[in-house]
Amino acid sequence: MKRAVSVSLGSSRRDHCVEIELLGQWVRLERIGTDGDVQKATALFSALDGQVDALGVGGIDLTVGTDTRAYPLSAGQKLIQGVKRTPVVDGRGLKFTLERQCMHHVEAEIGDDLQPKQALVNVAADRYGMALGLVQAGYACVFGDLQFALGVPIPIRRLQTLNRVIMVLAPLAGRLPAHILYPTGEAQRHSVPRFTRWYRWATVIAGDCHYTMRHMPPRLPGKSIITNTTTPADVACFREAGVRYLITTTPRLEGRSFGTNVMEAALVAVAGKGRPLTYSELLDIIELLQLRPQIQRLDG
């Protein structure tokens, strides 16, 4: 059996393990949270190197950027400095393939319910493929990168502006420690409502689940959430808030959706090439497996 393991800076309360069949092979998917402990995560990556078929980096990215430029994040790169043999991914491949296709399928199924076409993308530098998919589907977007990642209350309304902001700030942000850029460990369990104007304005709230929950107001009646890595507790929270649709970009397995890094690691493991897959290779596998967004109605 193939084995794909995600080591995450996130909370160990979200750990999960499942065995699934992909392309005629069985693969064991595991998620190990380290509660924000960078040294523990780094040691786990080194210990698992050569022992598993693929590794995923969770709770931090290895790079951020646009469809044409990737900027390294030193906090993520340092975690895997001891990995020499096992291919390691952070989900970027699926974010630019599977997530970019997401809105095409969502519009075909429930597009009439998603009116007006207004979307808040919490951190588009992390989910640029998802952001592109929303723009191409005709949504007016607010990109919250300055707000959600850096705490600066300035919305970005145009893709061209977003590209310039990423070009200027990504090299600087790449030197910051993980906990500044992203909620890790127990910080993932704390929510302080902010930027509520844009939560209320948007029909669709898209992006990383932790960023969405970090500042969401108690009530989001009629809104639709596009994300992944949702646990049953997350689903219950969104249902209680009055969310209409929960759309996860990765499949739900035994009651939860794994992160893109875990799913990409699983595909790398079954492909057996000993390296990360190209976008073209991922698109071929996505089509073979008929991977589609999971749409769950919560308010009815």
Foldseek 3Di string as FASTA:
>chain_A
DAEEEEEELAAQVLWDWDWDAAPNDIYIFTYGHDQNDLVVLLVVLLVCAVVGQEYEYYLDAQWFAAPVDTFGQVQRVSSNPNRDFHAYHHLPLCLQALLLCAVVVVCVPCVVLLPPQEEEEQACRHRVSNVNSSVVVPHFYWYNNCCLFPNDPDIDGDPVVVNVCCVPCRNVNSHDHSVSGGPHGCLLVAAAADPAVRLQVGQEYEYALSSCRNHYDQARANHEYEYFFDAPVSLVSCLSNNYFKYKYSADQDPRGGHDSRSVQRRVSSVVSPSYRDHSVVVNVSCVVVVRHIDIDTRHD
